[in-house]
Protein backbone atom coordinates (compact mmCIF):
# COMPACT_ATOMS: atom_id res chain seq x y z
CA UNK A 1 129.36 90.09 176.01
CA UNK A 2 128.55 87.85 178.98
CA UNK A 3 128.96 84.13 179.59
CA UNK A 4 125.69 82.74 181.11
CA UNK A 5 125.66 80.12 183.81
CA UNK A 6 123.51 77.77 181.72
CA UNK A 7 124.00 75.26 178.93
CA UNK A 8 121.60 74.74 176.07
CA UNK A 9 119.65 71.61 175.08
CA UNK A 10 117.91 71.56 171.76
CA UNK A 11 115.27 69.09 171.05
CA UNK A 12 115.14 68.07 167.40
CA UNK A 13 112.17 66.15 166.23
CA UNK A 14 112.59 62.98 164.37
CA UNK A 15 110.33 61.28 161.79
CA UNK A 16 108.09 59.56 164.26
CA UNK A 17 107.11 62.96 165.70
CA UNK A 18 106.26 64.22 162.22
CA UNK A 19 104.31 61.03 161.56
CA UNK A 20 102.29 61.76 164.74
CA UNK A 21 101.66 65.31 163.66
CA UNK A 22 100.41 64.18 160.25
CA UNK A 23 97.94 61.68 161.80
CA UNK A 24 96.25 64.34 164.07
CA UNK A 25 92.74 65.38 163.20
CA UNK A 26 92.84 68.26 160.85
CA UNK A 27 96.21 66.91 159.66
CA UNK A 28 98.80 69.03 157.88
CA UNK A 29 98.31 66.98 154.66
CA UNK A 30 102.14 66.77 154.06
CA UNK A 31 102.55 70.60 154.27
CA UNK A 32 105.18 70.23 156.91
CA UNK A 33 108.51 68.62 156.21
CA UNK A 34 110.93 67.15 158.85
CA UNK A 35 113.65 69.57 157.75
CA UNK A 36 111.34 72.39 158.61
CA UNK A 37 110.66 70.94 162.11
CA UNK A 38 114.33 70.48 162.74
CA UNK A 39 115.46 73.94 161.50
CA UNK A 40 113.69 75.84 164.23
CA UNK A 41 113.59 73.76 167.36
CA UNK A 42 112.82 74.60 171.05
CA UNK A 43 116.05 75.55 172.80
CA UNK A 44 116.22 74.93 176.57
CA UNK A 45 118.34 76.48 179.14
CA UNK A 46 119.64 73.80 181.54
CA UNK A 47 122.06 73.85 184.36
CA UNK A 48 125.61 74.55 183.26
CA UNK A 49 127.04 71.21 182.16
CA UNK A 50 130.54 69.98 182.86
CA UNK A 51 130.11 67.28 180.19
CA UNK A 52 127.67 66.06 177.59
CA UNK A 53 126.51 63.11 179.74
CA UNK A 54 125.52 65.27 182.70
CA UNK A 55 123.52 67.57 180.40
CA UNK A 56 121.85 64.71 178.58
CA UNK A 57 121.01 63.10 181.97
CA UNK A 58 119.23 66.31 183.05
CA UNK A 59 117.13 66.30 179.87
CA UNK A 60 116.39 62.61 180.29
CA UNK A 61 115.30 63.20 183.88
CA UNK A 62 112.87 65.83 182.74
CA UNK A 63 111.77 63.96 179.51
CA UNK A 64 108.06 63.82 180.59
CA UNK A 65 107.63 67.60 181.09
CA UNK A 66 109.68 68.26 177.96
CA UNK A 67 107.77 65.74 175.83
CA UNK A 68 104.47 67.11 176.92
CA UNK A 69 105.47 70.57 176.15
CA UNK A 70 106.61 69.67 172.64
CA UNK A 71 103.35 67.79 171.97
CA UNK A 72 101.20 70.62 173.52
CA UNK A 73 102.88 73.08 171.08
CA UNK A 74 100.86 71.26 168.33
CA UNK A 75 98.00 69.56 170.06
CA UNK A 76 96.68 70.54 173.58
CA UNK A 77 94.28 67.64 173.83
CA UNK A 78 96.32 64.87 175.48
CA UNK A 79 93.82 62.26 174.44
CA UNK A 80 95.65 62.36 171.19
CA UNK A 81 99.09 61.87 172.78
CA UNK A 82 101.01 58.68 172.92
CA UNK A 83 102.15 57.30 176.26
CA UNK A 84 105.08 59.45 177.32
CA UNK A 85 108.01 57.03 177.96
CA UNK A 86 111.67 57.58 178.01
CA UNK A 87 112.06 55.11 175.04
CA UNK A 88 109.48 57.01 172.96
CA UNK A 89 111.06 60.36 173.85
CA UNK A 90 114.44 58.99 172.41
CA UNK A 91 112.69 57.67 169.44
CA UNK A 92 110.86 60.95 168.67
CA UNK A 93 113.68 63.51 169.53
CA UNK A 94 117.39 63.94 169.04
CA UNK A 95 118.97 65.92 171.91
CA UNK A 96 121.72 68.33 170.99
CA UNK A 97 123.73 69.82 173.82
CA UNK A 98 125.76 73.04 173.83
CA UNK A 99 127.79 73.61 176.98
CA UNK A 100 128.63 77.32 176.62
CA UNK A 101 126.02 80.07 176.38
CA UNK A 102 127.21 83.56 175.62
CA UNK A 103 124.84 86.58 175.77
CA UNK A 104 125.85 89.16 173.20
CA UNK A 105 123.05 91.64 174.03
CA UNK A 106 123.51 94.44 176.42
CA UNK A 107 119.92 94.45 177.70
CA UNK A 108 119.27 92.35 180.77
CA UNK A 109 117.59 89.00 180.35
CA UNK A 110 113.88 88.90 180.91
CA UNK A 111 112.09 85.93 182.29
CA UNK A 112 108.47 84.93 182.09
CA UNK A 113 107.26 82.04 184.22
CA UNK A 114 106.58 78.75 182.24
CA UNK A 115 103.53 76.99 183.39
CA UNK A 116 103.81 73.33 182.56
CA UNK A 117 100.83 71.24 181.87
CA UNK A 118 99.52 69.04 184.61
CA UNK A 119 100.19 65.59 182.95
CA UNK A 120 98.89 63.79 185.93
CA UNK A 121 95.40 65.11 185.92
CA UNK A 122 92.48 62.65 185.16
């Protein structure tokens, strides 16, 4: 068992995110419930946090990339995306912070590079 020098942030979708999903072309026709979205959320490794506020600040500073990644999981055509603002991020997602991350697996961690979307392309 090893303590990892990271904290965890979990983005939990809120009702406005589900509303957006259900209004996309080829909508889900009510097949997806908010409880389902919130049950298996993206967990993010972030710098080890001394306190909740510093971890939350880190997430808020990176809201645009995180917001875009969440939307792209469901719709890669950003023409259907709303304007990515800090206020909308807060309206669409709850942020849950866990300051201690413990690795219970003996195998070494493997990493694969994440290639973020270029949100500034025109």
